[in-house]
Amino acid sequence: MNVDKIMSKTIVTVEMDDSLRIVKEIFDNTRFHHLLVVEAGKLFGVISDRDLLKALSPNIGTAAETDRDAATLNKRVHQIVSRRPITLLLGSGIYDAIGIFNDHNISCIPIVDEERKPVGLISWRDILKAIEANRGELS
């Protein structure tokens, strides 16, 4: 089975100069856990919801929030992005993805075309769902 059969084709991208305020709004209003960072349409990096939490003040949105806390929302994507992400090409096999998840401490793999443009995203949860859906074929 190829990754394009089980990957999420709905991806959201941000650019290097976007503020963390924009990133936070996306995470707050969607069910995404990863945003792909693009530059000139090509994949440059990944930001996870955990990356954002580490970069922002824990006082944001609380009664204890100060101007200094709110200023952390003005940081830019390029300050926290995980650069040069491990990727797979469209058409790669599911076992290629499993190998990457086993060898690296990552929670998603961007799927790119030959020009390094993002076309999807696969998580280890997508793999588990595929295994469950094909349970009869695997036992």
Protein backbone atom coordinates (compact mmCIF):
# COMPACT_ATOMS: atom_id res chain seq x y z
CA MET A 1 0.00 0.00 0.00
CA ASN A 2 1.28 3.48 -0.87
CA VAL A 3 1.23 6.46 1.47
CA ASP A 4 -0.96 8.43 -0.93
CA LYS A 5 -3.82 6.02 -0.13
CA ILE A 6 -3.82 6.90 3.58
CA MET A 7 -2.20 10.34 3.87
CA SER A 8 -4.12 13.46 4.75
CA LYS A 9 -4.47 15.48 1.58
CA THR A 10 -5.76 18.49 3.48
CA ILE A 11 -2.69 20.43 4.49
CA VAL A 12 -2.28 23.90 5.85
CA THR A 13 0.84 25.90 5.12
CA VAL A 14 2.41 28.98 6.62
CA GLU A 15 5.37 31.01 5.46
CA MET A 16 8.63 31.81 7.21
CA ASP A 17 7.68 35.40 8.05
CA ASP A 18 4.21 34.64 9.40
CA SER A 19 3.74 35.46 13.08
CA LEU A 20 3.11 32.89 15.77
CA ARG A 21 -0.22 34.66 16.32
CA ILE A 22 -1.33 33.30 12.92
CA VAL A 23 -0.01 29.83 13.76
CA LYS A 24 -1.85 29.87 17.10
CA GLU A 25 -5.11 30.93 15.43
CA ILE A 26 -4.85 28.04 12.98
CA PHE A 27 -4.18 25.50 15.72
CA ASP A 28 -6.94 26.97 17.91
CA ASN A 29 -9.54 26.83 15.14
CA THR A 30 -8.74 23.53 13.43
CA ARG A 31 -7.97 19.96 14.38
CA PHE A 32 -4.51 20.07 12.84
CA HIS A 33 -1.43 19.23 14.88
CA HIS A 34 1.17 20.09 12.22
CA LEU A 35 1.60 22.97 9.80
CA LEU A 36 3.90 22.80 6.82
CA VAL A 37 6.20 25.74 6.31
CA VAL A 38 6.76 26.65 2.69
CA GLU A 39 9.03 29.07 0.93
CA ALA A 40 8.33 29.78 -2.74
CA GLY A 41 5.84 26.88 -2.68
CA LYS A 42 8.45 24.31 -1.62
CA LEU A 43 8.55 22.57 1.73
CA PHE A 44 10.99 24.16 4.12
CA GLY A 45 9.94 22.80 7.50
CA VAL A 46 7.25 21.72 9.93
CA ILE A 47 5.73 23.31 13.03
CA SER A 48 3.84 21.15 15.48
CA ASP A 49 1.38 22.30 18.08
CA ARG A 50 4.00 21.27 20.65
CA ASP A 51 6.61 23.52 19.01
CA LEU A 52 4.19 26.42 19.35
CA LEU A 53 3.44 25.67 23.00
CA LYS A 54 7.17 25.70 23.80
CA ALA A 55 7.63 29.07 22.06
CA LEU A 56 4.74 30.93 23.66
CA SER A 57 4.38 32.23 27.18
CA PRO A 58 2.20 29.94 29.32
CA ASN A 59 0.37 33.07 30.57
CA ILE A 60 -1.21 33.88 27.20
CA GLY A 61 -4.96 34.06 27.56
CA THR A 62 -4.89 34.08 31.36
CA ALA A 63 -5.47 36.83 33.90
CA ALA A 64 -1.71 36.84 34.54
CA GLU A 65 -0.88 37.77 30.92
CA THR A 66 1.45 40.74 30.57
CA ASP A 67 2.57 42.73 27.54
CA ARG A 68 5.76 40.70 27.58
CA ASP A 69 3.75 37.46 27.42
CA ALA A 70 1.62 38.78 24.54
CA ALA A 71 4.78 39.80 22.68
CA THR A 72 5.70 36.13 22.26
CA LEU A 73 2.88 35.98 19.68
CA ASN A 74 4.90 38.39 17.54
CA LYS A 75 7.73 35.91 17.05
CA ARG A 76 8.04 34.61 13.50
CA VAL A 77 7.73 31.10 12.12
CA HIS A 78 11.40 31.07 11.10
CA GLN A 79 12.32 31.30 14.79
CA ILE A 80 10.73 27.99 15.77
CA VAL A 81 10.37 25.90 12.60
CA SER A 82 11.88 22.42 12.47
CA ARG A 83 13.97 22.76 9.33
CA ARG A 84 14.77 20.13 6.70
CA PRO A 85 12.04 17.69 7.70
CA ILE A 86 12.24 14.04 6.81
CA THR A 87 9.92 13.54 3.85
CA LEU A 88 8.62 10.85 1.57
CA LEU A 89 7.85 11.12 -2.11
CA LEU A 90 4.33 10.63 -3.36
CA GLY A 91 4.01 6.95 -4.21
CA SER A 92 6.30 5.74 -1.41
CA GLY A 93 5.22 2.62 0.42
CA ILE A 94 3.61 2.47 3.84
CA TYR A 95 6.55 0.41 5.13
CA ASP A 96 8.89 3.27 4.17
CA ALA A 97 6.83 5.49 6.50
CA ILE A 98 6.86 2.88 9.26
CA GLY A 99 10.65 2.64 9.01
CA ILE A 100 10.98 6.41 9.35
CA PHE A 101 8.69 6.51 12.39
CA ASN A 102 10.68 3.68 13.99
CA ASP A 103 14.05 5.33 13.30
CA HIS A 104 13.24 8.97 14.14
CA ASN A 105 11.45 10.76 16.94
CA ILE A 106 8.84 12.46 14.74
CA SER A 107 5.06 12.41 14.67
CA CYS A 108 4.38 13.21 11.02
CA ILE A 109 5.99 12.85 7.63
CA PRO A 110 5.29 15.41 4.92
CA ILE A 111 4.64 13.87 1.52
CA VAL A 112 6.15 15.84 -1.35
CA ASP A 113 6.29 15.65 -5.13
CA GLU A 114 9.49 15.61 -7.18
CA GLU A 115 9.73 19.41 -6.94
CA ARG A 116 9.52 19.26 -3.12
CA LYS A 117 6.04 20.78 -3.12
CA PRO A 118 3.90 19.41 -0.27
CA VAL A 119 0.98 17.24 -1.36
CA GLY A 120 0.05 15.53 1.90
CA LEU A 121 0.97 14.51 5.40
CA ILE A 122 1.04 11.14 7.11
CA SER A 123 1.05 10.46 10.83
CA TRP A 124 1.55 7.24 12.72
CA ARG A 125 -2.19 7.42 13.52
CA ASP A 126 -2.96 7.26 9.79
CA ILE A 127 -0.95 4.03 9.61
CA LEU A 128 -2.75 2.53 12.59
CA LYS A 129 -6.13 3.41 11.04
CA ALA A 130 -5.08 1.74 7.78
CA ILE A 131 -3.98 -1.39 9.61
CA GLU A 132 -7.28 -1.51 11.51
CA ALA A 133 -9.28 -0.99 8.29
CA ASN A 134 -7.38 -3.85 6.62
CA ARG A 135 -7.37 -6.14 9.67
CA GLY A 136 -8.79 -9.12 7.82
CA GLU A 137 -6.12 -8.93 5.15
CA LEU A 138 -3.27 -8.76 7.66
CA SER A 139 -4.22 -11.67 9.95
